[in-house]
Amino acid sequence: MDPVAGTTPRVVKSEQEWRQQLSPEEYAVLREAGTERPFTGEYTDTKTQGVYECRACGAELFRSDTKFESHCGWPSFYDPADSDAVILRTDRSLGMVRTEVLCANCHSHLGHVFEGEGYGTPTDQRYCINSVALRLVPADS
């Protein structure tokens, strides 16, 4: 993965270390900016209260109280747990311009964020995040 300009991740591992830690699907999404198939992810329809962490490094990324049903096929959130939890960068792949969402802690790919789609959320944003990039820690655990 290309480094994010001007920032250094707090968690740094070799590609071999990432491959040992992550499943092939996790590695493809988190380290190679892949995307899981829509409507197949573990957290697409989850209503469990808790905190969503980065599956690669455990950093808190999103909270269940900002998760909403967008019916897009991936978990959707309207705001990160902390303004410094994620890094945004321009993604010009696939012949379009999108905004990629990365974990600020380890610079793993999480998904993309979209604005102005008309969802009734406080931020008018949809953080469209791959389930395989997240781990839910239920509030009652």
N, C-alpha and C. Protein backbone atom coordinates (compact mmCIF):
# COMPACT_ATOMS: atom_id res chain seq x y z
N MET A 1 0.85 -1.18 0.00
CA MET A 1 0.00 0.00 0.00
C MET A 1 0.89 1.24 0.00
N ASP A 2 0.49 2.22 -0.75
CA ASP A 2 1.25 3.47 -0.77
C ASP A 2 1.11 4.17 0.57
N PRO A 3 2.20 4.73 1.08
CA PRO A 3 2.08 5.47 2.34
C PRO A 3 1.22 6.71 2.15
N VAL A 4 0.62 7.14 3.22
CA VAL A 4 -0.18 8.36 3.20
C VAL A 4 0.78 9.53 3.32
N ALA A 5 0.72 10.44 2.38
CA ALA A 5 1.67 11.54 2.32
C ALA A 5 1.75 12.30 3.64
N GLY A 6 2.97 12.47 4.13
CA GLY A 6 3.21 13.29 5.30
C GLY A 6 2.90 12.65 6.64
N THR A 7 2.49 11.38 6.67
CA THR A 7 2.19 10.74 7.94
C THR A 7 2.89 9.40 8.03
N THR A 8 3.19 9.01 9.24
CA THR A 8 3.80 7.71 9.50
C THR A 8 2.84 6.93 10.40
N PRO A 9 2.54 5.69 10.03
CA PRO A 9 1.64 4.91 10.89
C PRO A 9 2.29 4.61 12.24
N ARG A 10 1.47 4.54 13.29
CA ARG A 10 1.99 4.18 14.62
C ARG A 10 2.29 2.70 14.70
N VAL A 11 1.56 1.89 13.92
CA VAL A 11 1.80 0.46 13.86
C VAL A 11 2.46 0.18 12.51
N VAL A 12 3.69 -0.32 12.55
CA VAL A 12 4.44 -0.61 11.33
C VAL A 12 4.85 -2.08 11.36
N LYS A 13 4.48 -2.81 10.31
CA LYS A 13 4.84 -4.22 10.18
C LYS A 13 5.27 -4.46 8.75
N SER A 14 6.08 -5.48 8.56
CA SER A 14 6.46 -5.87 7.20
C SER A 14 5.26 -6.53 6.53
N GLU A 15 5.31 -6.62 5.21
CA GLU A 15 4.22 -7.29 4.51
C GLU A 15 4.13 -8.75 4.94
N GLN A 16 5.26 -9.38 5.22
CA GLN A 16 5.25 -10.77 5.69
C GLN A 16 4.54 -10.87 7.04
N GLU A 17 4.80 -9.93 7.94
CA GLU A 17 4.12 -9.94 9.25
C GLU A 17 2.61 -9.74 9.08
N TRP A 18 2.20 -8.83 8.18
CA TRP A 18 0.77 -8.63 7.93
C TRP A 18 0.15 -9.91 7.38
N ARG A 19 0.84 -10.57 6.45
CA ARG A 19 0.32 -11.81 5.84
C ARG A 19 0.17 -12.92 6.88
N GLN A 20 1.05 -12.95 7.86
CA GLN A 20 0.96 -13.96 8.92
C GLN A 20 -0.20 -13.67 9.87
N GLN A 21 -0.45 -12.39 10.13
CA GLN A 21 -1.48 -11.98 11.09
C GLN A 21 -2.88 -12.03 10.49
N LEU A 22 -3.04 -11.71 9.23
CA LEU A 22 -4.34 -11.55 8.60
C LEU A 22 -4.68 -12.74 7.71
N SER A 23 -5.97 -13.04 7.60
CA SER A 23 -6.42 -14.06 6.65
C SER A 23 -6.20 -13.50 5.24
N PRO A 24 -6.23 -14.35 4.22
CA PRO A 24 -6.08 -13.84 2.85
C PRO A 24 -7.11 -12.77 2.48
N GLU A 25 -8.36 -12.95 2.90
CA GLU A 25 -9.40 -11.95 2.61
C GLU A 25 -9.12 -10.64 3.36
N GLU A 26 -8.75 -10.74 4.63
CA GLU A 26 -8.42 -9.54 5.41
C GLU A 26 -7.24 -8.81 4.78
N TYR A 27 -6.21 -9.55 4.38
CA TYR A 27 -5.03 -8.94 3.77
C TYR A 27 -5.40 -8.23 2.47
N ALA A 28 -6.22 -8.88 1.64
CA ALA A 28 -6.61 -8.28 0.36
C ALA A 28 -7.32 -6.95 0.54
N VAL A 29 -8.17 -6.85 1.56
CA VAL A 29 -8.90 -5.60 1.80
C VAL A 29 -8.04 -4.59 2.54
N LEU A 30 -7.51 -4.99 3.68
CA LEU A 30 -6.79 -4.05 4.55
C LEU A 30 -5.45 -3.56 3.98
N ARG A 31 -4.71 -4.44 3.33
CA ARG A 31 -3.36 -4.08 2.89
C ARG A 31 -3.26 -3.82 1.39
N GLU A 32 -4.25 -4.32 0.61
CA GLU A 32 -4.20 -4.14 -0.84
C GLU A 32 -5.40 -3.35 -1.37
N ALA A 33 -6.17 -2.73 -0.48
CA ALA A 33 -7.31 -1.87 -0.82
C ALA A 33 -8.37 -2.60 -1.65
N GLY A 34 -8.58 -3.87 -1.33
CA GLY A 34 -9.64 -4.62 -1.99
C GLY A 34 -11.00 -4.28 -1.39
N THR A 35 -12.03 -4.93 -1.91
CA THR A 35 -13.39 -4.72 -1.42
C THR A 35 -14.09 -6.07 -1.32
N GLU A 36 -14.76 -6.29 -0.19
CA GLU A 36 -15.55 -7.52 -0.09
C GLU A 36 -16.82 -7.37 -0.93
N ARG A 37 -17.39 -8.48 -1.33
CA ARG A 37 -18.61 -8.44 -2.12
C ARG A 37 -19.74 -7.82 -1.29
N PRO A 38 -20.62 -7.03 -1.91
CA PRO A 38 -21.73 -6.41 -1.17
C PRO A 38 -22.67 -7.45 -0.58
N PHE A 39 -23.25 -7.10 0.56
CA PHE A 39 -24.24 -7.91 1.27
C PHE A 39 -23.69 -9.24 1.76
N THR A 40 -22.38 -9.38 1.88
CA THR A 40 -21.78 -10.62 2.37
C THR A 40 -21.05 -10.43 3.69
N GLY A 41 -20.81 -9.20 4.10
CA GLY A 41 -20.01 -8.92 5.29
C GLY A 41 -20.73 -9.22 6.59
N GLU A 42 -19.95 -9.57 7.56
CA GLU A 42 -20.44 -9.95 8.90
C GLU A 42 -21.24 -8.84 9.57
N TYR A 43 -20.91 -7.57 9.33
CA TYR A 43 -21.53 -6.47 10.06
C TYR A 43 -22.50 -5.63 9.23
N THR A 44 -22.83 -6.06 8.03
CA THR A 44 -23.71 -5.27 7.17
C THR A 44 -25.02 -4.91 7.86
N ASP A 45 -25.66 -5.89 8.51
CA ASP A 45 -26.96 -5.65 9.14
C ASP A 45 -26.93 -5.72 10.66
N THR A 46 -25.76 -5.73 11.26
CA THR A 46 -25.62 -5.87 12.70
C THR A 46 -26.19 -4.66 13.44
N LYS A 47 -26.95 -4.94 14.50
CA LYS A 47 -27.51 -3.87 15.34
C LYS A 47 -26.90 -3.87 16.74
N THR A 48 -25.95 -4.74 17.01
CA THR A 48 -25.31 -4.87 18.31
C THR A 48 -24.64 -3.56 18.70
N GLN A 49 -24.85 -3.15 19.96
CA GLN A 49 -24.21 -1.94 20.48
C GLN A 49 -22.76 -2.24 20.83
N GLY A 50 -21.86 -1.33 20.49
CA GLY A 50 -20.46 -1.53 20.82
C GLY A 50 -19.55 -0.64 20.00
N VAL A 51 -18.29 -1.04 19.96
CA VAL A 51 -17.23 -0.28 19.30
C VAL A 51 -16.67 -1.13 18.16
N TYR A 52 -16.48 -0.51 17.02
CA TYR A 52 -15.86 -1.18 15.87
C TYR A 52 -14.39 -0.78 15.82
N GLU A 53 -13.54 -1.80 15.90
CA GLU A 53 -12.10 -1.59 15.89
C GLU A 53 -11.52 -2.02 14.54
N CYS A 54 -10.32 -1.53 14.25
CA CYS A 54 -9.58 -1.96 13.08
C CYS A 54 -9.17 -3.42 13.29
N ARG A 55 -9.49 -4.27 12.35
CA ARG A 55 -9.14 -5.69 12.47
C ARG A 55 -7.63 -5.90 12.39
N ALA A 56 -6.91 -4.98 11.79
CA ALA A 56 -5.45 -5.13 11.67
C ALA A 56 -4.71 -4.73 12.94
N CYS A 57 -5.15 -3.64 13.60
CA CYS A 57 -4.36 -3.13 14.74
C CYS A 57 -5.15 -2.91 16.02
N GLY A 58 -6.48 -3.01 15.99
CA GLY A 58 -7.28 -2.85 17.20
C GLY A 58 -7.65 -1.43 17.57
N ALA A 59 -7.30 -0.45 16.75
CA ALA A 59 -7.65 0.95 17.05
C ALA A 59 -9.16 1.14 16.94
N GLU A 60 -9.73 1.92 17.85
CA GLU A 60 -11.16 2.24 17.78
C GLU A 60 -11.42 3.15 16.59
N LEU A 61 -12.37 2.74 15.75
CA LEU A 61 -12.67 3.49 14.53
C LEU A 61 -14.06 4.10 14.52
N PHE A 62 -15.07 3.29 14.82
CA PHE A 62 -16.47 3.73 14.77
C PHE A 62 -17.22 3.16 15.96
N ARG A 63 -18.35 3.80 16.29
CA ARG A 63 -19.22 3.32 17.36
C ARG A 63 -20.57 2.99 16.77
N SER A 64 -21.23 2.04 17.39
CA SER A 64 -22.51 1.56 16.85
C SER A 64 -23.57 2.66 16.81
N ASP A 65 -23.45 3.67 17.66
CA ASP A 65 -24.48 4.72 17.65
C ASP A 65 -24.37 5.64 16.43
N THR A 66 -23.33 5.48 15.60
CA THR A 66 -23.23 6.24 14.35
C THR A 66 -23.44 5.34 13.13
N LYS A 67 -23.79 4.08 13.36
CA LYS A 67 -24.05 3.14 12.27
C LYS A 67 -25.50 3.33 11.82
N PHE A 68 -25.72 3.28 10.51
CA PHE A 68 -27.09 3.42 10.01
C PHE A 68 -27.30 2.52 8.80
N GLU A 69 -28.56 2.28 8.50
CA GLU A 69 -28.92 1.41 7.38
C GLU A 69 -28.96 2.23 6.09
N SER A 70 -27.97 1.98 5.23
CA SER A 70 -27.92 2.68 3.95
C SER A 70 -28.37 1.77 2.81
N HIS A 71 -28.47 0.46 3.09
CA HIS A 71 -28.88 -0.53 2.10
C HIS A 71 -27.93 -0.57 0.90
N CYS A 72 -26.64 -0.25 1.15
CA CYS A 72 -25.65 -0.24 0.07
C CYS A 72 -24.87 -1.55 -0.02
N GLY A 73 -25.00 -2.41 0.99
CA GLY A 73 -24.30 -3.69 0.96
C GLY A 73 -23.10 -3.79 1.87
N TRP A 74 -22.74 -2.69 2.52
CA TRP A 74 -21.63 -2.66 3.46
C TRP A 74 -22.07 -1.89 4.71
N PRO A 75 -21.41 -2.12 5.84
CA PRO A 75 -21.72 -1.32 7.02
C PRO A 75 -21.49 0.16 6.73
N SER A 76 -22.42 1.00 7.18
CA SER A 76 -22.33 2.44 6.96
C SER A 76 -22.37 3.18 8.28
N PHE A 77 -21.52 4.18 8.40
CA PHE A 77 -21.42 5.02 9.59
C PHE A 77 -21.44 6.47 9.13
N TYR A 78 -21.94 7.37 9.96
CA TYR A 78 -21.94 8.76 9.55
C TYR A 78 -20.82 9.58 10.18
N ASP A 79 -20.02 8.97 11.07
CA ASP A 79 -18.94 9.72 11.70
C ASP A 79 -17.97 8.74 12.37
N PRO A 80 -16.65 8.98 12.25
CA PRO A 80 -15.70 8.14 13.00
C PRO A 80 -15.84 8.37 14.50
N ALA A 81 -15.33 7.42 15.29
CA ALA A 81 -15.39 7.53 16.75
C ALA A 81 -14.62 8.74 17.26
N ASP A 82 -13.57 9.10 16.56
CA ASP A 82 -12.70 10.22 16.95
C ASP A 82 -12.25 10.86 15.65
N SER A 83 -12.14 12.16 15.62
CA SER A 83 -11.76 12.85 14.38
C SER A 83 -10.39 12.42 13.88
N ASP A 84 -9.54 11.90 14.77
CA ASP A 84 -8.21 11.44 14.37
C ASP A 84 -8.14 9.93 14.14
N ALA A 85 -9.27 9.23 14.18
CA ALA A 85 -9.28 7.77 14.05
C ALA A 85 -9.00 7.30 12.63
N VAL A 86 -9.38 8.12 11.66
CA VAL A 86 -9.19 7.75 10.27
C VAL A 86 -8.47 8.86 9.50
N ILE A 87 -7.89 8.46 8.39
CA ILE A 87 -7.24 9.37 7.45
C ILE A 87 -8.00 9.25 6.14
N LEU A 88 -8.23 10.37 5.50
CA LEU A 88 -8.90 10.38 4.20
C LEU A 88 -7.90 10.76 3.12
N ARG A 89 -7.99 10.07 1.97
CA ARG A 89 -7.13 10.45 0.85
C ARG A 89 -7.87 10.21 -0.45
N THR A 90 -7.48 10.95 -1.47
CA THR A 90 -8.10 10.84 -2.78
C THR A 90 -7.72 9.51 -3.41
N ASP A 91 -8.73 8.83 -3.94
CA ASP A 91 -8.56 7.55 -4.61
C ASP A 91 -9.03 7.72 -6.05
N ARG A 92 -8.11 7.60 -7.00
CA ARG A 92 -8.43 7.77 -8.42
C ARG A 92 -8.48 6.43 -9.17
N SER A 93 -8.62 5.33 -8.43
CA SER A 93 -8.67 4.02 -9.07
C SER A 93 -10.04 3.81 -9.72
N LEU A 94 -10.12 2.84 -10.58
CA LEU A 94 -11.36 2.44 -11.24
C LEU A 94 -11.97 3.55 -12.11
N GLY A 95 -11.14 4.51 -12.53
CA GLY A 95 -11.60 5.55 -13.44
C GLY A 95 -12.53 6.58 -12.82
N MET A 96 -12.50 6.71 -11.50
CA MET A 96 -13.35 7.70 -10.83
C MET A 96 -12.58 8.31 -9.66
N VAL A 97 -13.11 9.38 -9.12
CA VAL A 97 -12.49 10.02 -7.97
C VAL A 97 -13.38 9.76 -6.75
N ARG A 98 -12.79 9.10 -5.74
CA ARG A 98 -13.49 8.82 -4.49
C ARG A 98 -12.58 9.22 -3.34
N THR A 99 -13.12 9.17 -2.13
CA THR A 99 -12.32 9.45 -0.94
C THR A 99 -12.15 8.16 -0.16
N GLU A 100 -10.92 7.69 -0.10
CA GLU A 100 -10.58 6.46 0.60
C GLU A 100 -10.47 6.73 2.10
N VAL A 101 -10.89 5.77 2.91
CA VAL A 101 -10.80 5.85 4.36
C VAL A 101 -9.75 4.84 4.82
N LEU A 102 -8.77 5.33 5.59
CA LEU A 102 -7.70 4.49 6.12
C LEU A 102 -7.67 4.59 7.64
N CYS A 103 -7.26 3.52 8.30
CA CYS A 103 -7.03 3.57 9.74
C CYS A 103 -5.83 4.49 10.00
N ALA A 104 -5.99 5.47 10.86
CA ALA A 104 -4.90 6.40 11.16
C ALA A 104 -3.76 5.72 11.89
N ASN A 105 -4.06 4.64 12.58
CA ASN A 105 -3.06 3.95 13.40
C ASN A 105 -2.10 3.08 12.57
N CYS A 106 -2.65 2.34 11.59
CA CYS A 106 -1.81 1.41 10.82
C CYS A 106 -1.89 1.62 9.31
N HIS A 107 -2.67 2.60 8.87
CA HIS A 107 -2.84 2.95 7.46
C HIS A 107 -3.45 1.83 6.63
N SER A 108 -4.23 0.96 7.26
CA SER A 108 -4.94 -0.08 6.52
C SER A 108 -6.17 0.51 5.83
N HIS A 109 -6.49 -0.02 4.66
CA HIS A 109 -7.67 0.40 3.89
C HIS A 109 -8.93 -0.10 4.60
N LEU A 110 -9.90 0.79 4.77
CA LEU A 110 -11.17 0.43 5.42
C LEU A 110 -12.33 0.46 4.44
N GLY A 111 -12.34 1.43 3.55
CA GLY A 111 -13.44 1.61 2.61
C GLY A 111 -13.37 3.00 2.02
N HIS A 112 -14.54 3.61 1.78
CA HIS A 112 -14.63 4.96 1.21
C HIS A 112 -15.70 5.76 1.94
N VAL A 113 -15.61 7.08 1.84
CA VAL A 113 -16.64 7.95 2.41
C VAL A 113 -17.26 8.76 1.28
N PHE A 114 -18.58 8.91 1.36
CA PHE A 114 -19.34 9.64 0.35
C PHE A 114 -20.15 10.72 1.04
N GLU A 115 -20.37 11.84 0.34
CA GLU A 115 -21.12 12.98 0.90
C GLU A 115 -22.28 13.34 -0.02
N GLY A 116 -23.27 13.99 0.58
CA GLY A 116 -24.35 14.57 -0.19
C GLY A 116 -25.27 13.57 -0.86
N GLU A 117 -25.44 12.39 -0.28
CA GLU A 117 -26.30 11.39 -0.88
C GLU A 117 -27.75 11.47 -0.39
N GLY A 118 -28.01 12.36 0.57
CA GLY A 118 -29.37 12.56 1.03
C GLY A 118 -29.81 11.69 2.18
N TYR A 119 -28.88 10.96 2.81
CA TYR A 119 -29.24 10.22 4.00
C TYR A 119 -29.52 11.19 5.13
N GLY A 120 -30.46 10.88 5.98
CA GLY A 120 -30.82 11.77 7.08
C GLY A 120 -29.89 11.65 8.27
N THR A 121 -28.62 11.82 8.05
CA THR A 121 -27.63 11.72 9.13
C THR A 121 -27.10 13.10 9.48
N PRO A 122 -26.59 13.27 10.69
CA PRO A 122 -26.11 14.60 11.12
C PRO A 122 -24.97 15.16 10.28
N THR A 123 -24.17 14.30 9.65
CA THR A 123 -23.01 14.78 8.90
C THR A 123 -23.20 14.77 7.39
N ASP A 124 -24.30 14.18 6.90
CA ASP A 124 -24.54 14.00 5.47
C ASP A 124 -23.40 13.21 4.81
N GLN A 125 -22.77 12.32 5.59
CA GLN A 125 -21.70 11.48 5.08
C GLN A 125 -22.06 10.01 5.28
N ARG A 126 -21.51 9.16 4.40
CA ARG A 126 -21.67 7.72 4.54
C ARG A 126 -20.28 7.10 4.44
N TYR A 127 -19.76 6.69 5.59
CA TYR A 127 -18.51 5.93 5.63
C TYR A 127 -18.89 4.50 5.30
N CYS A 128 -18.58 4.08 4.10
CA CYS A 128 -18.92 2.76 3.58
C CYS A 128 -17.70 1.87 3.84
N ILE A 129 -17.81 1.00 4.85
CA ILE A 129 -16.64 0.29 5.39
C ILE A 129 -16.81 -1.22 5.20
N ASN A 130 -15.75 -1.88 4.79
CA ASN A 130 -15.75 -3.33 4.65
C ASN A 130 -15.84 -4.00 6.02
N SER A 131 -16.77 -4.95 6.17
CA SER A 131 -16.88 -5.70 7.43
C SER A 131 -15.56 -6.35 7.81
N VAL A 132 -14.87 -6.91 6.82
CA VAL A 132 -13.63 -7.64 7.08
C VAL A 132 -12.52 -6.73 7.62
N ALA A 133 -12.69 -5.43 7.49
CA ALA A 133 -11.72 -4.48 8.02
C ALA A 133 -11.99 -4.14 9.49
N LEU A 134 -13.13 -4.61 10.01
CA LEU A 134 -13.58 -4.24 11.35
C LEU A 134 -13.67 -5.44 12.28
N ARG A 135 -13.65 -5.17 13.58
CA ARG A 135 -13.98 -6.16 14.60
C ARG A 135 -14.88 -5.45 15.61
N LEU A 136 -16.07 -5.98 15.82
CA LEU A 136 -17.02 -5.40 16.76
C LEU A 136 -16.75 -5.90 18.16
N VAL A 137 -16.58 -4.98 19.08
CA VAL A 137 -16.46 -5.31 20.50
C VAL A 137 -17.78 -4.89 21.14
N PRO A 138 -18.66 -5.86 21.45
CA PRO A 138 -19.97 -5.52 22.01
C PRO A 138 -19.86 -4.75 23.33
N ALA A 139 -20.80 -3.86 23.55
CA ALA A 139 -20.79 -3.02 24.76
C ALA A 139 -20.90 -3.84 26.03
N ASP A 140 -21.54 -5.00 25.97
CA ASP A 140 -21.73 -5.80 27.17
C ASP A 140 -20.61 -6.79 27.41
N SER A 141 -19.50 -6.66 26.69
CA SER A 141 -18.39 -7.61 26.89
C SER A 141 -17.35 -7.07 27.85
